[in-house]
N, C-alpha and C. Protein backbone atom coordinates (compact mmCIF):
# COMPACT_ATOMS: atom_id res chain seq x y z
N UNK A 1 98.94 89.71 91.49
CA UNK A 1 99.95 90.70 91.93
C UNK A 1 100.35 90.96 93.16
N UNK A 2 101.72 90.72 93.44
CA UNK A 2 101.99 91.17 94.97
C UNK A 2 102.30 92.59 95.32
N UNK A 3 101.33 93.23 96.34
CA UNK A 3 101.30 94.36 96.84
C UNK A 3 102.45 94.72 97.34
N UNK A 4 103.13 95.73 97.11
CA UNK A 4 104.63 96.42 97.49
C UNK A 4 104.38 97.21 98.53
N UNK A 5 104.62 97.38 99.67
CA UNK A 5 104.84 98.60 100.90
C UNK A 5 105.67 99.26 100.68
N UNK A 6 105.03 100.58 100.45
CA UNK A 6 106.15 101.87 100.32
C UNK A 6 105.81 102.69 101.46
N UNK A 7 105.61 102.55 102.92
CA UNK A 7 105.38 103.41 103.76
C UNK A 7 106.45 104.22 103.87
N UNK A 8 106.23 105.25 104.36
CA UNK A 8 107.22 106.69 104.77
C UNK A 8 108.02 106.59 105.96
N UNK A 9 109.26 106.15 105.96
CA UNK A 9 110.12 106.17 107.22
C UNK A 9 109.61 106.87 108.64
N UNK A 10 109.41 106.55 109.60
CA UNK A 10 109.62 107.26 110.68
C UNK A 10 110.68 107.05 111.78
N UNK A 11 111.27 108.30 112.33
CA UNK A 11 112.32 108.48 113.00
C UNK A 11 113.78 107.72 112.49
N UNK A 12 113.92 107.72 110.84
CA UNK A 12 115.07 107.29 110.44
C UNK A 12 115.71 108.47 109.71
N UNK A 13 116.94 108.58 109.61
CA UNK A 13 117.56 109.54 109.18
C UNK A 13 117.40 109.38 107.42
N UNK A 14 117.48 110.60 106.79
CA UNK A 14 117.32 110.72 105.43
C UNK A 14 118.19 110.23 104.55
N UNK A 15 119.57 110.57 105.08
CA UNK A 15 121.00 110.46 104.34
C UNK A 15 122.10 109.98 105.67
N UNK A 16 122.40 109.33 104.64
CA UNK A 16 123.93 108.90 105.30
C UNK A 16 125.13 109.85 105.46
N UNK A 17 126.40 110.01 106.32
CA UNK A 17 127.11 110.92 106.51
C UNK A 17 127.99 111.25 105.00
N UNK A 18 127.48 109.98 103.59
CA UNK A 18 128.12 110.39 102.92
C UNK A 18 127.39 110.94 101.53
N UNK A 19 126.13 111.20 102.31
CA UNK A 19 124.96 111.83 101.29
C UNK A 19 123.88 110.95 100.45
N UNK A 20 124.46 109.71 100.67
CA UNK A 20 123.48 108.55 99.98
C UNK A 20 122.07 108.17 101.00
N UNK A 21 121.00 108.30 100.32
CA UNK A 21 119.77 107.79 101.13
C UNK A 21 120.11 106.57 102.06
N UNK A 22 119.21 106.81 103.12
CA UNK A 22 119.41 105.41 103.97
C UNK A 22 118.53 104.35 103.25
N UNK A 23 118.56 103.40 103.53
CA UNK A 23 118.05 101.91 102.48
C UNK A 23 116.57 102.09 103.05
N UNK A 24 115.87 102.53 104.34
CA UNK A 24 114.42 102.69 104.26
C UNK A 24 113.83 103.77 103.62
N UNK A 25 114.80 104.97 103.13
CA UNK A 25 114.28 105.96 102.31
C UNK A 25 114.42 105.81 100.70
N UNK A 26 115.61 105.26 100.68
CA UNK A 26 115.71 104.51 99.26
C UNK A 26 114.91 103.68 98.87
N UNK A 27 114.02 102.71 99.77
CA UNK A 27 113.11 101.87 98.92
C UNK A 27 111.71 103.05 98.92
N UNK A 28 111.38 103.88 100.06
CA UNK A 28 110.49 104.86 100.05
C UNK A 28 109.90 105.55 98.46
N UNK A 29 111.72 106.44 98.45
CA UNK A 29 111.89 107.06 97.24
C UNK A 29 111.27 106.31 95.77
N UNK A 30 111.87 104.87 96.22
CA UNK A 30 111.40 104.12 94.70
C UNK A 30 110.32 103.75 94.49
N UNK A 31 109.82 103.92 95.60
CA UNK A 31 108.32 103.46 95.73
C UNK A 31 107.55 104.73 95.06
N UNK A 32 107.47 105.86 95.43
CA UNK A 32 107.28 106.81 94.40
C UNK A 32 107.06 106.90 93.08
N UNK A 33 108.54 106.66 92.95
CA UNK A 33 108.57 106.59 90.98
C UNK A 33 108.09 105.35 90.63
N UNK A 34 107.51 104.18 91.12
CA UNK A 34 107.16 102.86 91.09
C UNK A 34 105.93 103.42 90.49
N UNK A 35 105.34 104.30 91.61
CA UNK A 35 103.90 104.60 91.70
C UNK A 35 103.40 105.58 90.78
N UNK A 36 103.98 106.23 90.53
CA UNK A 36 104.01 107.69 89.38
C UNK A 36 103.85 107.02 88.28
N UNK A 37 104.65 106.00 87.86
CA UNK A 37 104.49 105.75 86.81
C UNK A 37 103.67 104.86 86.30
N UNK A 38 102.71 104.60 87.12
CA UNK A 38 101.37 103.22 86.59
C UNK A 38 100.37 104.21 85.78
N UNK A 39 99.78 103.80 84.98
CA UNK A 39 98.65 104.58 83.95
C UNK A 39 97.97 103.68 83.53
N UNK A 40 96.65 103.77 83.74
CA UNK A 40 95.49 102.95 83.14
C UNK A 40 95.46 103.26 81.99
N UNK A 41 95.24 102.13 81.04
CA UNK A 41 94.66 102.74 79.51
C UNK A 41 93.63 103.62 79.60
N UNK A 42 93.30 104.06 78.18
CA UNK A 42 92.18 104.73 78.23
C UNK A 42 91.01 104.43 78.01
N UNK A 43 90.03 104.60 78.58
CA UNK A 43 88.53 104.41 78.33
C UNK A 43 87.53 105.25 78.01
N UNK A 44 87.17 104.76 76.83
CA UNK A 44 85.96 105.65 76.42
C UNK A 44 85.07 106.07 76.66
N UNK A 45 84.76 107.54 76.97
CA UNK A 45 83.19 107.69 77.81
C UNK A 45 82.10 107.18 77.27
N UNK A 46 81.17 106.74 78.24
CA UNK A 46 79.89 106.77 77.53
C UNK A 46 79.17 107.60 76.83
N UNK A 47 77.94 107.12 75.88
CA UNK A 47 77.19 107.84 75.39
C UNK A 47 76.15 108.66 76.18
N UNK A 48 75.73 109.69 76.01
CA UNK A 48 74.85 110.21 76.57
C UNK A 48 73.40 109.50 76.98
N UNK A 49 72.79 108.75 75.95
CA UNK A 49 71.78 107.95 76.69
C UNK A 49 72.11 106.18 76.50
N UNK A 50 73.28 106.39 77.80
CA UNK A 50 73.37 104.96 77.87
C UNK A 50 72.47 104.17 78.47
N UNK A 51 72.26 102.86 78.39
CA UNK A 51 71.72 101.77 78.93
C UNK A 51 72.19 101.63 80.49
N UNK A 52 71.51 101.12 81.27
CA UNK A 52 72.10 100.65 82.81
C UNK A 52 72.96 99.39 82.07
N UNK A 53 72.83 98.61 81.16
CA UNK A 53 73.40 97.19 81.30
C UNK A 53 75.29 97.99 80.31
N UNK A 54 75.25 99.20 79.37
CA UNK A 54 76.01 99.63 78.92
C UNK A 54 76.94 99.99 80.64
N UNK A 55 76.09 100.88 81.10
CA UNK A 55 76.91 101.68 82.06
C UNK A 55 77.67 100.66 82.89
N UNK A 56 77.11 99.43 83.56
CA UNK A 56 77.62 98.49 84.52
C UNK A 56 78.90 97.80 83.42
N UNK A 57 78.50 97.72 82.37
CA UNK A 57 79.89 97.27 81.33
C UNK A 57 81.19 98.47 81.15
N UNK A 58 80.95 99.67 81.16
CA UNK A 58 81.66 100.59 81.25
C UNK A 58 82.33 100.85 82.86
N UNK A 59 81.99 100.16 83.60
CA UNK A 59 82.60 100.27 84.97
C UNK A 59 83.29 98.99 85.20
N UNK A 60 83.22 97.73 84.52
CA UNK A 60 83.72 96.90 84.60
C UNK A 60 85.10 96.97 83.43
N UNK A 61 84.81 97.85 82.76
CA UNK A 61 86.16 98.10 81.62
C UNK A 61 86.87 98.83 82.44
N UNK A 62 86.60 99.72 83.28
CA UNK A 62 87.32 100.73 84.02
C UNK A 62 88.15 100.16 85.29
N UNK A 63 87.40 99.52 85.83
CA UNK A 63 88.12 98.21 86.94
C UNK A 63 89.20 97.31 86.41
N UNK A 64 88.66 96.99 85.47
CA UNK A 64 89.80 96.00 84.61
C UNK A 64 90.95 96.70 84.40
N UNK A 65 90.87 98.03 83.72
CA UNK A 65 92.06 99.09 83.07
C UNK A 65 92.60 99.09 84.39
N UNK A 66 91.99 99.72 85.86
CA UNK A 66 92.65 99.99 86.80
C UNK A 66 93.85 98.78 87.50
N UNK A 67 92.76 97.79 87.42
CA UNK A 67 93.75 96.56 88.17
C UNK A 67 94.73 96.11 87.38
N UNK A 68 94.85 96.21 85.63
CA UNK A 68 96.20 96.06 85.04
C UNK A 68 96.95 96.77 85.00
N UNK A 69 96.45 98.19 85.44
CA UNK A 69 97.99 99.18 85.94
C UNK A 69 98.37 98.83 87.27
N UNK A 70 97.82 97.84 88.07
CA UNK A 70 97.97 97.96 89.24
C UNK A 70 97.62 99.24 90.19
N UNK A 71 96.77 99.69 89.76
CA UNK A 71 96.05 101.08 91.05
C UNK A 71 94.88 100.82 91.69
N UNK A 72 94.76 99.16 91.59
CA UNK A 72 93.49 98.61 92.11
C UNK A 72 93.78 97.48 92.40
N UNK A 73 93.59 96.93 93.63
CA UNK A 73 93.60 95.22 94.03
C UNK A 73 92.60 94.79 93.33
N UNK A 74 92.75 93.22 92.80
CA UNK A 74 91.90 92.35 92.85
C UNK A 74 91.29 92.09 93.95
N UNK A 75 90.00 91.86 93.81
CA UNK A 75 88.92 91.12 95.06
C UNK A 75 88.98 89.87 94.90
């Protein structure tokens, strides 16, 4: 998955004279919409007496869900 850069524009006007967002701000605001729409799938909680192996498996499941939603980079 290619990482998109949505850095906040610095030293750039927010809007043109006609009231439209300038390209750097348009990209930044579009990025907020893109990132806010990302949601990882639900992961069921562990049982109270979960073993170490079950805990490790659950952590791996969480990592996979975050990566699939684009909320965590793959290593």
